[in-house]
Amino acid sequence: MALALPLSMKTSGGAASALLLVASLVTGGCQTIGPSNMQRDRLDYGAAVGDSWKEQTLLNITKLRYFDTPIFLDISSVVSPYSLQTELSLGARIFPRSRGDTFRELGASGTYIDRPTISYTPVTGKKYVDALLRPIPPQAIFAMIQAGHQADFIMRGTVRTINGIHNASASPGRAREEDPTFERVIDAFRHIQQAGALGVRIEKRGAEEVTLVSFNEKAGKRTAEHIRYLREALGLDPGVRELLLTFGSIQRGPGELSVLSRSVLEILVELSAGVDVPEQHLAEKRARALPRQRKPGDGNQPLAHIRSGTERPEDAFAAVRYRDHWFWIDDRDIYSKRAFTFLLMFSSIAETGIAPQAPIITIPAN
């Protein structure tokens, strides 16, 4: 962007002060643009990165429903350099024989340049394995529950089996209904968590760290009933106060809580079961049909509800266009929004075991 403001005027000698004042204001106001833009840029880039992640994830979930290949690109950095150059000129021509009049000229010009550079990194190789195929550590799942996230919601999305009790699955390779006791087990965990009777402790044993899970059976009569049910349903020894948390589908002893967790790619496949595929696409066998429709948020059901239509939605949490249709999550669908939002946290945990890190954003200003 370039700005040029030539100004010519015929003034008396007293107008010189006004011109000098204008000059000082112009040069003083253009000394720096960094601090004034920081708040705007930080919020705008943060919103853009978040919206981009939501739309990419929604598109890949939809593509998985159609057995299409998902593609993942990470934003590794954002560099947005600014450059602002200004020039001000002031001149005067005096004509002695023109009754003392002085002709003065004021000129100003400016150039503003904004050239953002965004770096994308394809998720391939080891990074693909770590971010998408590696199961979420059971220790991280219980750490999230201990941090206050609702136990039944977390476990419904991330757990395949717990001590041999199966969760429901919409994955083509292992599609099945949940075991009759699974919903009661995760509901018991939620009640124990809400009562403050669920404990998680990390202990050093030799060169390794182990995670121990405990229940406070003195937290109340109702809570004690849920604890007794859990011990019975999961085959836990009532005399073992701290249970060893392990990864796997087989419980090796009555003092072990064995969790077979899902990978992020498995969670994406489970989310794809909630896509409303147009009837024409199902009839043409462009996508797989599900045995029956189920409502999100009520027991044995998809993790999220992704709607579809030919018109762009007006009130969407995230929306993408695919195969001449729009697919979106309604902004009023709290259950689906929550599942979608937690997917970002699950992705980081699967890769690193720690909280997610945002892309590096650098905004130099001249």
Protein backbone atom coordinates (compact mmCIF):
# COMPACT_ATOMS: atom_id res chain seq x y z
CA MET A 1 0.00 0.00 0.00
CA ALA A 2 1.40 3.43 -0.95
CA LEU A 3 0.15 6.81 0.18
CA ALA A 4 1.16 10.15 -1.30
CA LEU A 5 -0.24 13.41 0.02
CA PRO A 6 1.14 16.44 -1.86
CA LEU A 7 -0.21 19.69 -0.53
CA SER A 8 0.35 23.18 -1.89
CA MET A 9 -1.03 26.30 -0.28
CA LYS A 10 -0.49 30.02 -0.28
CA THR A 11 -0.03 31.24 3.26
CA SER A 12 1.23 34.10 5.27
CA GLY A 13 4.32 33.79 7.42
CA GLY A 14 2.19 32.77 10.47
CA ALA A 15 1.12 29.53 8.76
CA ALA A 16 4.66 28.17 8.98
CA SER A 17 4.05 27.11 12.56
CA ALA A 18 0.96 25.11 11.54
CA LEU A 19 2.89 23.32 8.81
CA LEU A 20 5.68 22.44 11.18
CA LEU A 21 3.12 21.10 13.67
CA VAL A 22 1.58 18.87 11.00
CA ALA A 23 5.03 17.62 10.06
CA SER A 24 5.88 16.71 13.63
CA LEU A 25 2.59 14.84 14.07
CA VAL A 26 3.08 12.82 10.89
CA THR A 27 6.65 11.80 11.69
CA GLY A 28 5.94 11.17 15.36
CA GLY A 29 2.93 8.95 14.67
CA CYS A 30 4.82 6.70 12.26
CA GLN A 31 7.80 5.79 14.41
CA THR A 32 6.65 2.19 15.06
CA ILE A 33 3.82 -0.15 14.09
CA GLY A 34 4.77 -3.28 16.08
CA PRO A 35 3.09 -2.71 19.46
CA SER A 36 -0.05 -1.22 17.95
CA ASN A 37 -0.62 -4.32 15.79
CA MET A 38 0.38 -6.99 18.33
CA GLN A 39 -3.03 -7.46 19.94
CA ARG A 40 -4.86 -7.57 16.63
CA ASP A 41 -2.39 -9.98 14.99
CA ARG A 42 -2.19 -12.34 17.93
CA LEU A 43 -5.96 -12.76 18.07
CA ASP A 44 -6.44 -12.88 14.29
CA TYR A 45 -3.69 -15.45 13.67
CA GLY A 46 -4.82 -17.54 16.64
CA ALA A 47 -8.40 -17.61 15.34
CA ALA A 48 -7.22 -18.42 11.81
CA VAL A 49 -5.02 -21.33 12.98
CA GLY A 50 -7.86 -22.73 15.11
CA ASP A 51 -10.45 -22.48 12.32
CA SER A 52 -8.03 -24.06 9.85
CA TRP A 53 -7.40 -27.00 12.20
CA LYS A 54 -11.14 -27.54 12.73
CA GLU A 55 -11.89 -27.50 9.01
CA GLN A 56 -8.99 -29.82 8.12
CA THR A 57 -10.04 -32.30 10.81
CA LEU A 58 -13.70 -32.19 9.79
CA LEU A 59 -12.75 -32.76 6.15
CA ASN A 60 -10.59 -35.77 7.04
CA ILE A 61 -13.35 -37.27 9.21
CA THR A 62 -15.77 -36.89 6.31
CA LYS A 63 -13.28 -38.42 3.86
CA LEU A 64 -12.81 -41.43 6.13
CA ARG A 65 -16.59 -42.02 5.94
CA TYR A 66 -16.15 -42.24 2.17
CA PHE A 67 -13.01 -44.40 2.41
CA ASP A 68 -11.07 -41.49 0.95
CA THR A 69 -7.44 -40.79 1.91
CA PRO A 70 -7.05 -38.28 4.76
CA ILE A 71 -4.28 -35.71 4.35
CA PHE A 72 -2.82 -33.83 7.32
CA LEU A 73 -0.73 -30.66 7.16
CA ASP A 74 0.64 -29.03 10.30
CA ILE A 75 1.25 -25.29 10.51
CA SER A 76 4.80 -25.15 11.81
CA SER A 77 5.37 -21.40 11.75
CA VAL A 78 3.85 -18.07 10.79
CA VAL A 79 6.16 -15.16 9.94
CA SER A 80 4.47 -11.86 9.20
CA PRO A 81 6.98 -9.05 8.58
CA TYR A 82 5.82 -5.44 8.44
CA SER A 83 7.60 -2.54 6.79
CA LEU A 84 6.52 1.09 6.95
CA GLN A 85 8.46 3.88 5.24
CA THR A 86 7.47 7.53 5.38
CA GLU A 87 8.83 10.68 3.79
CA LEU A 88 7.92 14.27 4.47
CA SER A 89 9.12 17.34 2.55
CA LEU A 90 8.59 21.02 3.26
CA GLY A 91 9.64 23.85 0.97
CA ALA A 92 9.08 27.57 0.55
CA ARG A 93 9.41 30.08 -2.28
CA ILE A 94 9.53 33.77 -1.40
CA PHE A 95 8.59 36.47 -3.85
CA PRO A 96 9.82 39.87 -2.52
CA ARG A 97 7.81 41.94 -5.02
CA SER A 98 4.49 40.25 -4.39
CA ARG A 99 3.51 42.32 -1.36
CA GLY A 100 5.18 39.99 1.17
CA ASP A 101 3.30 36.82 0.27
CA THR A 102 5.12 33.53 0.66
CA PHE A 103 4.23 30.36 -1.29
CA ARG A 104 4.86 27.15 0.72
CA GLU A 105 4.67 23.45 -0.29
CA LEU A 106 4.14 20.43 1.96
CA GLY A 107 4.51 16.87 0.66
CA ALA A 108 4.21 13.46 2.36
CA SER A 109 4.43 9.86 1.12
CA GLY A 110 4.33 6.46 2.78
CA THR A 111 4.70 2.78 1.90
CA TYR A 112 3.25 -0.06 4.02
CA ILE A 113 4.21 -3.68 3.25
CA ASP A 114 2.81 -6.84 4.88
CA ARG A 115 4.12 -10.16 3.50
CA PRO A 116 3.13 -13.07 5.79
CA THR A 117 4.90 -16.42 5.27
CA ILE A 118 3.18 -19.57 6.57
CA SER A 119 5.06 -22.89 6.70
CA TYR A 120 3.19 -26.20 6.38
CA THR A 121 4.62 -29.58 7.32
CA PRO A 122 3.01 -32.79 5.97
CA VAL A 123 2.34 -35.37 8.66
CA THR A 124 4.25 -38.39 7.33
CA GLY A 125 6.69 -41.07 8.43
CA LYS A 126 7.49 -41.24 12.13
CA LYS A 127 5.42 -38.17 12.85
CA TYR A 128 2.39 -39.86 11.26
CA VAL A 129 2.92 -42.93 13.41
CA ASP A 130 3.40 -40.91 16.59
CA ALA A 131 0.52 -38.50 16.01
CA LEU A 132 -2.10 -40.80 14.47
CA LEU A 133 -1.30 -44.49 14.95
CA ARG A 134 0.17 -44.58 18.46
CA PRO A 135 -2.47 -45.40 21.11
CA ILE A 136 -3.13 -42.73 23.72
CA PRO A 137 -1.31 -43.76 26.93
CA PRO A 138 -3.74 -44.94 29.64
CA GLN A 139 -1.76 -42.81 32.11
CA ALA A 140 -2.66 -39.71 30.09
CA ILE A 141 -6.33 -40.71 29.97
CA PHE A 142 -6.53 -40.99 33.76
CA ALA A 143 -4.50 -37.80 34.18
CA MET A 144 -7.16 -35.99 32.17
CA ILE A 145 -9.88 -37.52 34.33
CA GLN A 146 -7.99 -36.53 37.45
CA ALA A 147 -7.75 -32.99 36.06
CA GLY A 148 -11.55 -32.78 36.08
CA HIS A 149 -12.62 -33.81 32.58
CA GLN A 150 -15.74 -35.96 32.69
CA ALA A 151 -14.69 -39.60 33.05
CA ASP A 152 -17.45 -41.24 31.03
CA PHE A 153 -16.97 -38.82 28.12
CA ILE A 154 -13.17 -39.29 28.07
CA MET A 155 -13.35 -43.07 28.34
CA ARG A 156 -16.11 -43.44 25.76
CA GLY A 157 -13.92 -41.69 23.21
CA THR A 158 -10.49 -43.11 24.02
CA VAL A 159 -10.96 -46.63 25.45
CA ARG A 160 -11.46 -49.82 23.43
CA THR A 161 -11.50 -52.18 26.38
CA ILE A 162 -11.00 -51.95 30.12
CA ASN A 163 -10.15 -55.24 31.84
CA GLY A 164 -11.64 -57.06 28.85
CA ILE A 165 -14.94 -55.14 28.78
CA HIS A 166 -15.50 -53.76 25.26
CA ASN A 167 -16.62 -50.33 24.18
CA ALA A 168 -18.81 -49.96 21.08
CA SER A 169 -17.00 -49.43 17.77
CA ALA A 170 -18.03 -48.23 14.32
CA SER A 171 -14.66 -49.08 12.76
CA PRO A 172 -15.09 -51.38 9.71
CA GLY A 173 -12.45 -53.77 11.01
CA ARG A 174 -13.91 -54.17 14.51
CA ALA A 175 -17.50 -52.93 14.34
CA ARG A 176 -19.44 -54.17 17.36
CA GLU A 177 -21.91 -53.20 20.03
CA GLU A 178 -20.61 -52.35 23.47
CA ASP A 179 -20.64 -54.99 26.21
CA PRO A 180 -23.69 -54.66 28.49
CA THR A 181 -21.54 -53.62 31.45
CA PHE A 182 -19.36 -51.01 29.69
CA GLU A 183 -21.79 -48.12 30.09
CA ARG A 184 -22.29 -48.94 33.78
CA VAL A 185 -18.54 -49.17 34.34
CA ILE A 186 -17.77 -45.73 32.89
CA ASP A 187 -20.83 -44.30 34.66
CA ALA A 188 -19.43 -45.63 37.95
CA PHE A 189 -16.09 -43.98 37.21
CA ARG A 190 -17.91 -40.69 36.65
CA HIS A 191 -19.77 -40.89 39.99
CA ILE A 192 -16.56 -41.79 41.85
CA GLN A 193 -14.77 -38.91 40.13
CA GLN A 194 -17.52 -36.42 41.01
CA ALA A 195 -17.37 -37.53 44.63
CA GLY A 196 -13.64 -36.79 44.71
CA ALA A 197 -12.91 -40.44 45.49
CA LEU A 198 -10.71 -41.24 42.48
CA GLY A 199 -6.97 -40.95 43.03
CA VAL A 200 -4.09 -41.19 40.55
CA ARG A 201 -0.48 -41.38 41.72
CA ILE A 202 2.81 -41.78 39.85
CA GLU A 203 5.54 -43.81 41.53
CA LYS A 204 9.14 -44.49 40.58
CA ARG A 205 9.99 -48.19 40.45
CA GLY A 206 13.56 -48.72 39.39
CA ALA A 207 14.14 -47.01 36.06
CA GLU A 208 10.44 -46.83 35.24
CA GLU A 209 7.50 -44.77 36.40
CA VAL A 210 4.24 -46.54 37.13
CA THR A 211 0.75 -45.09 37.57
CA LEU A 212 -1.42 -46.26 40.46
CA VAL A 213 -5.19 -45.75 40.68
CA SER A 214 -7.02 -45.78 44.00
CA PHE A 215 -10.57 -45.34 45.32
CA ASN A 216 -11.62 -43.65 48.55
CA GLU A 217 -14.33 -45.93 49.90
CA LYS A 218 -14.99 -43.57 52.82
CA ALA A 219 -16.39 -40.86 50.51
CA GLY A 220 -20.00 -41.87 51.17
CA LYS A 221 -22.41 -44.75 50.97
CA ARG A 222 -23.45 -44.14 47.37
CA THR A 223 -19.83 -43.79 46.26
CA ALA A 224 -18.88 -47.00 48.10
CA GLU A 225 -21.59 -48.82 46.14
CA HIS A 226 -20.11 -47.64 42.83
CA ILE A 227 -16.63 -48.71 43.96
CA ARG A 228 -17.88 -52.17 44.92
CA TYR A 229 -19.58 -52.50 41.54
CA LEU A 230 -16.39 -51.51 39.71
CA ARG A 231 -14.30 -54.02 41.64
CA GLU A 232 -16.79 -56.77 40.88
CA ALA A 233 -17.31 -55.90 37.18
CA LEU A 234 -13.58 -55.45 36.49
CA GLY A 235 -12.43 -58.45 38.51
CA LEU A 236 -10.47 -56.37 41.04
CA ASP A 237 -9.36 -57.65 44.43
CA PRO A 238 -11.22 -55.72 47.18
CA GLY A 239 -8.10 -55.95 49.35
CA VAL A 240 -5.87 -54.12 46.85
CA ARG A 241 -5.91 -50.42 47.71
CA GLU A 242 -3.87 -49.18 44.73
CA LEU A 243 -4.35 -50.66 41.26
CA LEU A 244 -1.53 -50.79 38.72
CA LEU A 245 -2.60 -49.03 35.51
CA THR A 246 -1.29 -50.79 32.38
CA PHE A 247 -1.83 -50.80 28.63
CA GLY A 248 -3.34 -53.96 27.15
CA SER A 249 -6.48 -56.00 26.63
CA ILE A 250 -5.69 -58.77 29.14
CA GLN A 251 -5.71 -58.30 32.91
CA ARG A 252 -2.76 -60.17 34.39
CA GLY A 253 -3.95 -60.08 37.98
CA PRO A 254 -6.70 -58.82 40.32
CA GLY A 255 -4.60 -55.80 41.26
CA GLU A 256 -4.31 -54.48 37.71
CA LEU A 257 -6.41 -52.01 35.74
CA SER A 258 -5.68 -52.88 32.11
CA VAL A 259 -6.80 -50.35 29.49
CA LEU A 260 -6.58 -50.91 25.73
CA SER A 261 -6.76 -47.37 24.39
CA ARG A 262 -7.49 -46.02 20.93
CA SER A 263 -5.19 -44.13 18.60
CA VAL A 264 -6.14 -40.75 17.19
CA LEU A 265 -6.85 -42.36 13.80
CA GLU A 266 -9.24 -44.79 15.51
CA ILE A 267 -11.00 -41.85 17.17
CA LEU A 268 -11.31 -40.15 13.77
CA VAL A 269 -12.88 -43.31 12.33
CA GLU A 270 -15.31 -43.45 15.26
CA LEU A 271 -16.21 -39.80 14.68
CA SER A 272 -16.85 -40.55 10.99
CA ALA A 273 -19.72 -42.82 12.03
CA GLY A 274 -21.65 -39.67 12.91
CA VAL A 275 -21.53 -38.22 9.37
CA ASP A 276 -24.93 -37.80 7.72
CA VAL A 277 -24.17 -39.20 4.25
CA PRO A 278 -26.67 -38.14 1.56
CA GLU A 279 -29.01 -40.95 0.52
CA GLN A 280 -27.86 -40.71 -3.09
CA HIS A 281 -24.26 -41.34 -2.07
CA LEU A 282 -25.29 -44.37 -0.03
CA ALA A 283 -27.36 -45.72 -2.93
CA GLU A 284 -24.38 -45.31 -5.25
CA LYS A 285 -22.17 -47.04 -2.65
CA ARG A 286 -19.82 -44.05 -2.39
CA ALA A 287 -19.85 -44.46 1.42
CA ARG A 288 -20.58 -47.33 3.75
CA ALA A 289 -24.00 -47.59 5.36
CA LEU A 290 -24.24 -48.02 9.13
CA PRO A 291 -26.44 -50.71 10.72
CA ARG A 292 -28.70 -48.13 12.39
CA GLN A 293 -28.82 -44.46 13.25
CA ARG A 294 -28.04 -43.46 16.83
CA LYS A 295 -28.14 -40.13 18.60
CA PRO A 296 -24.95 -38.62 20.04
CA GLY A 297 -24.72 -38.25 23.79
CA ASP A 298 -26.84 -41.23 24.83
CA GLY A 299 -24.98 -44.46 25.48
CA ASN A 300 -24.09 -46.62 22.48
CA GLN A 301 -23.83 -43.91 19.81
CA PRO A 302 -21.43 -41.99 17.52
CA LEU A 303 -19.07 -39.60 19.24
CA ALA A 304 -20.34 -36.62 17.22
CA HIS A 305 -23.08 -35.65 14.78
CA ILE A 306 -21.85 -34.22 11.47
CA ARG A 307 -24.70 -32.87 9.35
CA SER A 308 -24.82 -32.54 5.57
CA GLY A 309 -26.70 -30.55 2.95
CA THR A 310 -26.41 -28.80 -0.39
CA GLU A 311 -26.52 -25.28 1.09
CA ARG A 312 -23.81 -23.65 3.17
CA PRO A 313 -24.89 -23.65 6.86
CA GLU A 314 -25.41 -20.31 8.56
CA ASP A 315 -24.69 -21.33 12.16
CA ALA A 316 -21.81 -23.83 12.13
CA PHE A 317 -19.01 -24.59 14.56
CA ALA A 318 -17.02 -25.87 11.56
CA ALA A 319 -18.06 -26.48 7.95
CA VAL A 320 -16.36 -27.90 4.83
CA ARG A 321 -17.41 -28.58 1.26
CA TYR A 322 -16.83 -32.08 -0.10
CA ARG A 323 -18.32 -33.88 -3.13
CA ASP A 324 -20.68 -30.97 -3.93
CA HIS A 325 -22.16 -31.07 -0.42
CA TRP A 326 -21.57 -29.18 2.81
CA PHE A 327 -20.69 -31.08 5.98
CA TRP A 328 -20.77 -29.30 9.33
CA ILE A 329 -21.11 -29.45 13.10
CA ASP A 330 -23.93 -27.29 14.40
CA ASP A 331 -22.76 -24.59 16.79
CA ARG A 332 -25.63 -25.48 19.15
CA ASP A 333 -24.58 -29.15 19.38
CA ILE A 334 -22.60 -29.01 22.62
CA TYR A 335 -21.86 -32.75 22.75
CA SER A 336 -20.36 -32.86 19.24
CA LYS A 337 -18.42 -29.62 19.77
CA ARG A 338 -16.91 -31.00 22.96
CA ALA A 339 -15.80 -34.24 21.27
CA PHE A 340 -14.31 -32.30 18.39
CA THR A 341 -12.44 -29.89 20.64
CA PHE A 342 -10.95 -32.64 22.82
CA LEU A 343 -9.61 -34.36 19.71
CA LEU A 344 -6.84 -31.74 19.53
CA MET A 345 -5.77 -32.58 23.06
CA PHE A 346 -5.90 -36.32 22.31
CA SER A 347 -3.68 -35.76 19.26
CA SER A 348 -0.96 -34.06 21.28
CA ILE A 349 -1.11 -36.64 24.07
CA ALA A 350 -0.74 -39.51 21.60
CA GLU A 351 2.37 -37.91 20.09
CA THR A 352 4.17 -36.49 23.12
CA GLY A 353 2.25 -37.29 26.30
CA ILE A 354 2.10 -33.58 27.15
CA ALA A 355 -0.17 -30.64 26.45
CA PRO A 356 -0.33 -29.37 22.84
CA GLN A 357 2.09 -26.72 21.60
CA ALA A 358 0.92 -23.99 19.25
CA PRO A 359 2.76 -23.10 16.03
CA ILE A 360 5.55 -20.52 16.39
CA ILE A 361 4.33 -17.13 15.18
CA THR A 362 6.98 -14.49 14.43
CA ILE A 363 5.93 -10.94 13.56
CA PRO A 364 8.93 -8.66 12.96
CA ALA A 365 8.15 -5.00 12.33
CA ASN A 366 10.31 -2.33 10.77
